[in-house]
Amino acid sequence: MEKDFERTIEALNEIFPLVDGFLSEHDIGDDDALAIRLAVEELFTNLVRHNSGGRDRISLALEKEEDRLIIRLTDFDVDEFDPSKIAIPKVKRPISERKVGGLGVYLVRKLFDELHYEYENRTLSVTATRDIGRKDVRHPAS
């Protein structure tokens, strides 16, 4: 499944029903669904807020390959921005000692098995991959 969405935070109102339909169609369990929804929201929001330039649309693709779910967001005609270089937040420190930002990408890194950024010819692609259906419990703050 792939679809383009307006480069606005309000587009999440269209994105979530599409994601939920995909998750339901592929019988994705609640724990995985929560992680997937969080990642889509965080990654899409980062593209909207942090990418300079950019066309008026961002592409979202969801794909299920056996027991893996792949999320790919593509942003066109943007300056280079690599969220993987964002410093890991010091989550064990008191909130008063932490910097604002970076926690969403940190959570996506913890909840997904792979997170890759590719930038070429002013096009940024973010790909997050998660093995689904596992019985293990993942703790984002550990």
Protein backbone atom coordinates (compact mmCIF):
# COMPACT_ATOMS: atom_id res chain seq x y z
CA MET A 1 0.00 0.00 0.00
CA GLU A 2 1.36 3.41 -0.93
CA LYS A 3 -0.22 6.84 -0.89
CA ASP A 4 0.84 10.47 -0.94
CA PHE A 5 -0.30 12.89 1.76
CA GLU A 6 -0.22 16.65 2.14
CA ARG A 7 2.81 18.03 3.95
CA THR A 8 0.79 19.07 7.02
CA ILE A 9 0.34 17.69 10.51
CA GLU A 10 -3.40 17.59 9.79
CA ALA A 11 -2.72 14.86 7.20
CA LEU A 12 -2.38 12.47 10.15
CA ASN A 13 -6.20 12.51 10.26
CA GLU A 14 -6.14 10.77 6.85
CA ILE A 15 -3.07 8.64 7.56
CA PHE A 16 -4.29 6.87 10.70
CA PRO A 17 -7.46 5.36 9.16
CA LEU A 18 -5.39 4.09 6.22
CA VAL A 19 -2.76 2.60 8.55
CA ASP A 20 -5.46 1.05 10.74
CA GLY A 21 -7.11 -0.52 7.70
CA PHE A 22 -3.78 -1.98 6.58
CA LEU A 23 -3.09 -3.36 10.06
CA SER A 24 -6.56 -4.89 10.26
CA GLU A 25 -6.32 -6.38 6.76
CA HIS A 26 -3.04 -8.08 7.71
CA ASP A 27 -4.25 -9.14 11.17
CA ILE A 28 -1.49 -7.24 13.00
CA GLY A 29 -1.78 -7.59 16.80
CA ASP A 30 -2.32 -4.70 19.19
CA ASP A 31 1.27 -4.44 20.49
CA ASP A 32 2.70 -4.29 16.98
CA ALA A 33 -0.08 -1.95 15.83
CA LEU A 34 0.69 0.52 18.61
CA ALA A 35 4.39 0.58 17.69
CA ILE A 36 3.59 0.99 13.99
CA ARG A 37 1.14 3.85 14.57
CA LEU A 38 3.67 5.62 16.82
CA ALA A 39 6.42 5.26 14.22
CA VAL A 40 4.27 6.54 11.36
CA GLU A 41 3.19 9.55 13.42
CA GLU A 42 6.69 10.37 14.65
CA LEU A 43 8.46 9.93 11.31
CA PHE A 44 5.81 11.79 9.30
CA THR A 45 5.74 14.64 11.83
CA ASN A 46 9.54 14.92 11.71
CA LEU A 47 9.49 15.22 7.91
CA VAL A 48 6.85 17.94 8.06
CA ARG A 49 8.54 19.93 10.83
CA HIS A 50 12.23 19.54 10.07
CA ASN A 51 12.74 19.22 6.32
CA SER A 52 13.58 22.45 4.55
CA GLY A 53 11.99 23.02 1.18
CA GLY A 54 9.98 20.06 0.11
CA ARG A 55 7.13 19.53 -2.26
CA ASP A 56 3.57 19.65 -1.04
CA ARG A 57 3.28 15.84 -0.64
CA ILE A 58 5.00 13.08 1.36
CA SER A 59 4.70 9.45 0.30
CA LEU A 60 3.86 6.75 2.84
CA ALA A 61 4.24 3.07 1.99
CA LEU A 62 3.35 0.10 4.20
CA GLU A 63 4.36 -3.40 3.24
CA LYS A 64 4.14 -6.78 4.94
CA GLU A 65 6.65 -9.44 3.94
CA GLU A 66 5.99 -12.66 5.84
CA ASP A 67 6.62 -11.68 9.49
CA ARG A 68 8.11 -8.26 8.79
CA LEU A 69 6.38 -4.95 8.43
CA ILE A 70 8.09 -2.16 6.50
CA ILE A 71 7.20 1.51 6.77
CA ARG A 72 8.72 3.82 4.16
CA LEU A 73 8.24 7.56 4.02
CA THR A 74 9.65 9.54 1.11
CA ASP A 75 10.06 13.31 1.08
CA PHE A 76 10.90 15.02 -2.21
CA ASP A 77 12.97 18.11 -3.01
CA VAL A 78 14.28 18.62 0.53
CA ASP A 79 17.55 19.64 2.10
CA GLU A 80 19.45 16.83 3.76
CA PHE A 81 18.30 15.93 7.28
CA ASP A 82 19.41 12.74 8.98
CA PRO A 83 17.52 12.08 12.23
CA SER A 84 19.73 9.06 12.88
CA LYS A 85 22.43 11.57 13.89
CA ILE A 86 20.25 13.00 16.64
CA ALA A 87 21.91 12.35 19.99
CA ILE A 88 20.36 9.62 22.09
CA PRO A 89 18.39 11.31 24.87
CA LYS A 90 19.49 10.72 28.42
CA VAL A 91 16.24 9.05 29.45
CA LYS A 92 17.46 8.10 32.91
CA ARG A 93 18.10 11.72 33.88
CA PRO A 94 15.40 13.89 35.45
CA ILE A 95 13.21 15.74 32.95
CA SER A 96 14.60 19.07 34.18
CA GLU A 97 18.08 18.01 32.98
CA ARG A 98 17.04 16.81 29.51
CA LYS A 99 17.00 18.68 26.23
CA VAL A 100 13.72 19.06 24.35
CA GLY A 101 13.34 16.77 21.33
CA GLY A 102 14.78 13.52 20.08
CA LEU A 103 12.61 11.25 22.20
CA GLY A 104 10.31 10.21 19.33
CA VAL A 105 13.16 9.00 17.12
CA TYR A 106 14.62 7.25 20.17
CA LEU A 107 11.35 5.37 20.71
CA VAL A 108 11.16 4.38 17.04
CA ARG A 109 14.73 3.06 17.25
CA LYS A 110 13.77 0.99 20.31
CA LEU A 111 10.50 -0.34 18.90
CA PHE A 112 11.81 -1.27 15.45
CA ASP A 113 14.46 -3.72 14.38
CA GLU A 114 15.88 -1.43 11.70
CA LEU A 115 15.70 2.28 10.96
CA HIS A 116 17.44 3.63 7.84
CA TYR A 117 17.71 7.02 6.19
CA GLU A 118 18.73 7.48 2.57
CA TYR A 119 19.28 10.81 0.88
CA GLU A 120 19.95 11.22 -2.82
CA ASN A 121 19.10 13.91 -5.38
CA ARG A 122 17.18 15.96 -2.79
CA THR A 123 14.97 12.96 -1.93
CA LEU A 124 14.91 11.57 1.62
CA SER A 125 13.59 8.08 2.31
CA VAL A 126 13.08 6.81 5.85
CA THR A 127 12.54 3.07 6.25
CA ALA A 128 11.57 1.38 9.51
CA THR A 129 11.32 -2.41 9.70
CA ARG A 130 9.79 -4.44 12.51
CA ASP A 131 9.48 -8.18 12.97
CA ILE A 132 5.85 -8.72 13.90
CA GLY A 133 4.05 -11.36 15.88
CA ARG A 134 6.85 -12.06 18.30
CA LYS A 135 6.00 -13.09 21.84
CA ASP A 136 8.79 -10.99 23.36
CA VAL A 137 8.07 -7.80 25.27
CA ARG A 138 9.89 -4.67 24.18
CA HIS A 139 10.59 -1.89 26.61
CA PRO A 140 11.24 1.44 24.85
CA ALA A 141 12.92 3.04 27.86
CA SER A 142 15.46 0.28 28.50
